Amino acid sequence: MNLSAHQFHEPTLVSPIEDVLATSDVDPEQLVIEITESALLRDASEATNVIRRLAEGGVSFALDDVGTGYSPQSYRAELRPRVIRSGQSFVRPLHGSPRNDALLETIITWGDKLAITMLAEGVESPAQLERLRLLGGERGQGYLLSRAE
């Protein structure tokens, strides 16, 4: 489930999610809430509380646009996301740049070391896919791999 920053910071967010999970046949382990890294930064304390409360019930989180915000690595690690999605700005340049490649490789390594699935956004050409693979990336998303419907 993809939430906007506004939705994520609604004071009533947690209760309806808990209610739906309690009254449905949906296993909380199957629910992954995706939020952008920058959405977490609006109120880090509140965000951490929301994530902890839902995680206690089995809900997982995916962080989108990782590396494009300004949150410290320790904060990202504390959230224990199931999935991290790199910002497509790291993949988009066809020939890459040493800086982008280093940042993308760091995000890939971080995910590997913490057993977090890393997904690179914006894979639109064979050259981008090859560069992702050379940097250690195994998963990507983009027009090359699956066209939007």
C-alpha atoms as a PDB file:
ATOM      1  CA  MET A   1       0.000   0.000   0.000  1.00  0.00           C
ATOM      2  CA  ASN A   2       1.508   3.300  -1.079  1.00  0.00           C
ATOM      3  CA  LEU A   3       0.892   6.234   1.261  1.00  0.00           C
ATOM      4  CA  SER A   4       1.501   9.909   0.621  1.00  0.00           C
ATOM      5  CA  ALA A   5       3.313  11.985   3.233  1.00  0.00           C
ATOM      6  CA  HIS A   6      -0.013  13.581   4.150  1.00  0.00           C
ATOM      7  CA  GLN A   7      -1.727  10.207   4.622  1.00  0.00           C
ATOM      8  CA  PHE A   8       1.172   8.811   6.620  1.00  0.00           C
ATOM      9  CA  HIS A   9       1.017  11.695   9.098  1.00  0.00           C
ATOM     10  CA  GLU A  10      -2.742  11.529   9.645  1.00  0.00           C
ATOM     11  CA  PRO A  11      -3.316  11.067  13.405  1.00  0.00           C
ATOM     12  CA  THR A  12      -5.955   8.399  12.715  1.00  0.00           C
ATOM     13  CA  LEU A  13      -3.842   6.266  10.342  1.00  0.00           C
ATOM     14  CA  VAL A  14      -3.028   3.306  12.592  1.00  0.00           C
ATOM     15  CA  SER A  15      -6.447   2.407  14.016  1.00  0.00           C
ATOM     16  CA  PRO A  16      -8.270   1.819  10.690  1.00  0.00           C
ATOM     17  CA  ILE A  17      -5.399  -0.339   9.429  1.00  0.00           C
ATOM     18  CA  GLU A  18      -5.432  -2.378  12.636  1.00  0.00           C
ATOM     19  CA  ASP A  19      -9.239  -2.691  12.426  1.00  0.00           C
ATOM     20  CA  VAL A  20      -9.201  -3.922   8.826  1.00  0.00           C
ATOM     21  CA  LEU A  21      -6.480  -6.454   9.595  1.00  0.00           C
ATOM     22  CA  ALA A  22      -8.379  -7.690  12.675  1.00  0.00           C
ATOM     23  CA  THR A  23     -11.667  -8.162  10.797  1.00  0.00           C
ATOM     24  CA  SER A  24     -10.362  -9.571   7.527  1.00  0.00           C
ATOM     25  CA  ASP A  25      -8.564 -12.683   6.397  1.00  0.00           C
ATOM     26  CA  VAL A  26      -5.522 -10.624   5.409  1.00  0.00           C
ATOM     27  CA  ASP A  27      -2.320 -11.747   7.073  1.00  0.00           C
ATOM     28  CA  PRO A  28      -0.510  -8.627   8.378  1.00  0.00           C
ATOM     29  CA  GLU A  29       2.723 -10.149   7.041  1.00  0.00           C
ATOM     30  CA  GLN A  30       1.298  -9.620   3.534  1.00  0.00           C
ATOM     31  CA  LEU A  31       0.856  -5.880   4.029  1.00  0.00           C
ATOM     32  CA  VAL A  32       3.793  -3.681   3.062  1.00  0.00           C
ATOM     33  CA  ILE A  33       3.254   0.054   3.464  1.00  0.00           C
ATOM     34  CA  GLU A  34       5.405   2.116   1.119  1.00  0.00           C
ATOM     35  CA  ILE A  35       6.400   5.643   2.046  1.00  0.00           C
ATOM     36  CA  THR A  36       9.018   7.998   0.712  1.00  0.00           C
ATOM     37  CA  GLU A  37      12.099   8.672   2.763  1.00  0.00           C
ATOM     38  CA  SER A  38      11.250  12.381   2.797  1.00  0.00           C
ATOM     39  CA  ALA A  39       7.789  11.645   4.280  1.00  0.00           C
ATOM     40  CA  LEU A  40       9.504  10.185   7.318  1.00  0.00           C
ATOM     41  CA  LEU A  41      11.458  13.356   7.899  1.00  0.00           C
ATOM     42  CA  ARG A  42       8.428  15.603   8.426  1.00  0.00           C
ATOM     43  CA  ASP A  43       8.195  14.353  12.012  1.00  0.00           C
ATOM     44  CA  ALA A  44      10.737  11.620  12.700  1.00  0.00           C
ATOM     45  CA  SER A  45       9.448  10.875  16.198  1.00  0.00           C
ATOM     46  CA  GLU A  46       5.844  10.491  15.044  1.00  0.00           C
ATOM     47  CA  ALA A  47       6.919   8.408  12.041  1.00  0.00           C
ATOM     48  CA  THR A  48       8.933   6.073  14.239  1.00  0.00           C
ATOM     49  CA  ASN A  49       5.948   5.596  16.567  1.00  0.00           C
ATOM     50  CA  VAL A  50       3.582   4.815  13.677  1.00  0.00           C
ATOM     51  CA  ILE A  51       6.026   2.334  12.180  1.00  0.00           C
ATOM     52  CA  ARG A  52       6.694   0.615  15.495  1.00  0.00           C
ATOM     53  CA  ARG A  53       2.990   0.319  16.292  1.00  0.00           C
ATOM     54  CA  LEU A  54       2.138  -1.239  12.932  1.00  0.00           C
ATOM     55  CA  ALA A  55       5.277  -3.395  12.887  1.00  0.00           C
ATOM     56  CA  GLU A  56       4.257  -4.896  16.246  1.00  0.00           C
ATOM     57  CA  GLY A  57       1.154  -6.166  14.433  1.00  0.00           C
ATOM     58  CA  GLY A  58       3.229  -7.724  11.650  1.00  0.00           C
ATOM     59  CA  VAL A  59       3.016  -4.964   9.020  1.00  0.00           C
ATOM     60  CA  SER A  60       6.202  -4.257   7.023  1.00  0.00           C
ATOM     61  CA  PHE A  61       7.478  -1.113   5.374  1.00  0.00           C
ATOM     62  CA  ALA A  62       9.151  -0.152   2.125  1.00  0.00           C
ATOM     63  CA  LEU A  63      11.172   3.036   1.838  1.00  0.00           C
ATOM     64  CA  ASP A  64      10.925   4.731  -1.550  1.00  0.00           C
ATOM     65  CA  ASP A  65      13.432   7.166  -3.060  1.00  0.00           C
ATOM     66  CA  VAL A  66      16.187   6.072  -0.680  1.00  0.00           C
ATOM     67  CA  GLY A  67      19.241   8.236  -1.051  1.00  0.00           C
ATOM     68  CA  THR A  68      17.369  11.292  -2.263  1.00  0.00           C
ATOM     69  CA  GLY A  69      16.418  12.567   1.201  1.00  0.00           C
ATOM     70  CA  TYR A  70      18.510  13.683   4.090  1.00  0.00           C
ATOM     71  CA  SER A  71      17.888  11.017   6.716  1.00  0.00           C
ATOM     72  CA  PRO A  72      20.906   9.437   8.372  1.00  0.00           C
ATOM     73  CA  GLN A  73      21.705   5.766   7.744  1.00  0.00           C
ATOM     74  CA  SER A  74      21.137   4.960  11.422  1.00  0.00           C
ATOM     75  CA  TYR A  75      17.564   6.266  11.172  1.00  0.00           C
ATOM     76  CA  ARG A  76      16.866   4.195   8.068  1.00  0.00           C
ATOM     77  CA  ALA A  77      18.288   1.077   9.743  1.00  0.00           C
ATOM     78  CA  GLU A  78      16.195   1.619  12.878  1.00  0.00           C
ATOM     79  CA  LEU A  79      13.013   1.538  10.788  1.00  0.00           C
ATOM     80  CA  ARG A  80      13.863  -1.972   9.554  1.00  0.00           C
ATOM     81  CA  PRO A  81      12.167  -1.721   6.174  1.00  0.00           C
ATOM     82  CA  ARG A  82      11.510  -4.923   4.229  1.00  0.00           C
ATOM     83  CA  VAL A  83      12.195  -3.163   0.925  1.00  0.00           C
ATOM     84  CA  ILE A  84      14.211  -0.112  -0.070  1.00  0.00           C
ATOM     85  CA  ARG A  85      13.789   1.488  -3.488  1.00  0.00           C
ATOM     86  CA  SER A  86      16.577   3.686  -4.737  1.00  0.00           C
ATOM     87  CA  GLY A  87      15.665   6.963  -6.306  1.00  0.00           C
ATOM     88  CA  GLN A  88      15.599   6.679 -10.092  1.00  0.00           C
ATOM     89  CA  SER A  89      18.003   9.600 -10.314  1.00  0.00           C
ATOM     90  CA  PHE A  90      20.802   7.120  -9.499  1.00  0.00           C
ATOM     91  CA  VAL A  91      19.873   4.808 -12.392  1.00  0.00           C
ATOM     92  CA  ARG A  92      18.616   7.221 -15.039  1.00  0.00           C
ATOM     93  CA  PRO A  93      21.899   8.648 -16.351  1.00  0.00           C
ATOM     94  CA  LEU A  94      22.734   6.284 -19.228  1.00  0.00           C
ATOM     95  CA  HIS A  95      26.456   6.347 -18.624  1.00  0.00           C
ATOM     96  CA  GLY A  96      26.304   6.902 -14.893  1.00  0.00           C
ATOM     97  CA  SER A  97      28.724   9.026 -13.000  1.00  0.00           C
ATOM     98  CA  PRO A  98      31.256   8.034 -10.383  1.00  0.00           C
ATOM     99  CA  ARG A  99      29.172   9.802  -7.720  1.00  0.00           C
ATOM    100  CA  ASN A 100      25.845   8.223  -8.731  1.00  0.00           C
ATOM    101  CA  ASP A 101      27.469   4.802  -9.085  1.00  0.00           C
ATOM    102  CA  ALA A 102      29.056   5.092  -5.628  1.00  0.00           C
ATOM    103  CA  LEU A 103      25.756   6.119  -4.041  1.00  0.00           C
ATOM    104  CA  LEU A 104      23.810   3.366  -5.794  1.00  0.00           C
ATOM    105  CA  GLU A 105      26.424   0.780  -4.851  1.00  0.00           C
ATOM    106  CA  THR A 106      26.267   1.985  -1.232  1.00  0.00           C
ATOM    107  CA  ILE A 107      22.473   1.591  -1.158  1.00  0.00           C
ATOM    108  CA  ILE A 108      22.778  -1.911  -2.684  1.00  0.00           C
ATOM    109  CA  THR A 109      25.425  -2.914  -0.149  1.00  0.00           C
ATOM    110  CA  TRP A 110      23.440  -1.462   2.735  1.00  0.00           C
ATOM    111  CA  GLY A 111      20.420  -3.539   1.701  1.00  0.00           C
ATOM    112  CA  ASP A 112      22.529  -6.688   1.343  1.00  0.00           C
ATOM    113  CA  LYS A 113      24.190  -6.278   4.739  1.00  0.00           C
ATOM    114  CA  LEU A 114      20.856  -5.752   6.524  1.00  0.00           C
ATOM    115  CA  ALA A 115      18.938  -8.418   4.546  1.00  0.00           C
ATOM    116  CA  ILE A 116      16.654  -5.787   3.001  1.00  0.00           C
ATOM    117  CA  THR A 117      15.370  -6.223  -0.535  1.00  0.00           C
ATOM    118  CA  MET A 118      16.785  -3.420  -2.673  1.00  0.00           C
ATOM    119  CA  LEU A 119      14.907  -2.376  -5.782  1.00  0.00           C
ATOM    120  CA  ALA A 120      16.376   0.141  -8.242  1.00  0.00           C
ATOM    121  CA  GLU A 121      13.810   2.406  -9.877  1.00  0.00           C
ATOM    122  CA  GLY A 122      14.020   3.795 -13.389  1.00  0.00           C
ATOM    123  CA  VAL A 123      15.614   0.918 -15.322  1.00  0.00           C
ATOM    124  CA  GLU A 124      14.721   1.853 -18.896  1.00  0.00           C
ATOM    125  CA  SER A 125      17.613   0.627 -21.029  1.00  0.00           C
ATOM    126  CA  PRO A 126      19.838  -2.446 -21.307  1.00  0.00           C
ATOM    127  CA  ALA A 127      22.832  -0.229 -20.428  1.00  0.00           C
ATOM    128  CA  GLN A 128      21.176   0.865 -17.178  1.00  0.00           C
ATOM    129  CA  LEU A 129      20.339  -2.738 -16.294  1.00  0.00           C
ATOM    130  CA  GLU A 130      23.915  -3.811 -16.994  1.00  0.00           C
ATOM    131  CA  ARG A 131      25.283  -0.972 -14.855  1.00  0.00           C
ATOM    132  CA  LEU A 132      22.923  -1.964 -12.027  1.00  0.00           C
ATOM    133  CA  ARG A 133      24.139  -5.566 -12.237  1.00  0.00           C
ATOM    134  CA  LEU A 134      27.797  -4.482 -12.274  1.00  0.00           C
ATOM    135  CA  LEU A 135      27.176  -2.548  -9.060  1.00  0.00           C
ATOM    136  CA  GLY A 136      25.667  -5.639  -7.420  1.00  0.00           C
ATOM    137  CA  GLY A 137      21.992  -4.861  -7.916  1.00  0.00           C
ATOM    138  CA  GLU A 138      19.709  -7.824  -8.523  1.00  0.00           C
ATOM    139  CA  ARG A 139      16.281  -6.188  -8.683  1.00  0.00           C
ATOM    140  CA  GLY A 140      15.010  -3.326 -10.758  1.00  0.00           C
ATOM    141  CA  GLN A 141      11.833  -1.649 -11.819  1.00  0.00           C
ATOM    142  CA  GLY A 142      11.197   0.357 -14.942  1.00  0.00           C
ATOM    143  CA  TYR A 143      10.028   0.467 -18.518  1.00  0.00           C
ATOM    144  CA  LEU A 144      12.672  -1.983 -19.727  1.00  0.00           C
ATOM    145  CA  LEU A 145      11.489  -4.705 -17.348  1.00  0.00           C
ATOM    146  CA  SER A 146       7.738  -4.112 -17.387  1.00  0.00           C
ATOM    147  CA  ARG A 147       5.725  -1.518 -19.207  1.00  0.00           C
ATOM    148  CA  ALA A 148       3.106   0.390 -17.191  1.00  0.00           C
ATOM    149  CA  GLU A 149      -0.460  -0.594 -17.934  1.00  0.00           C
END
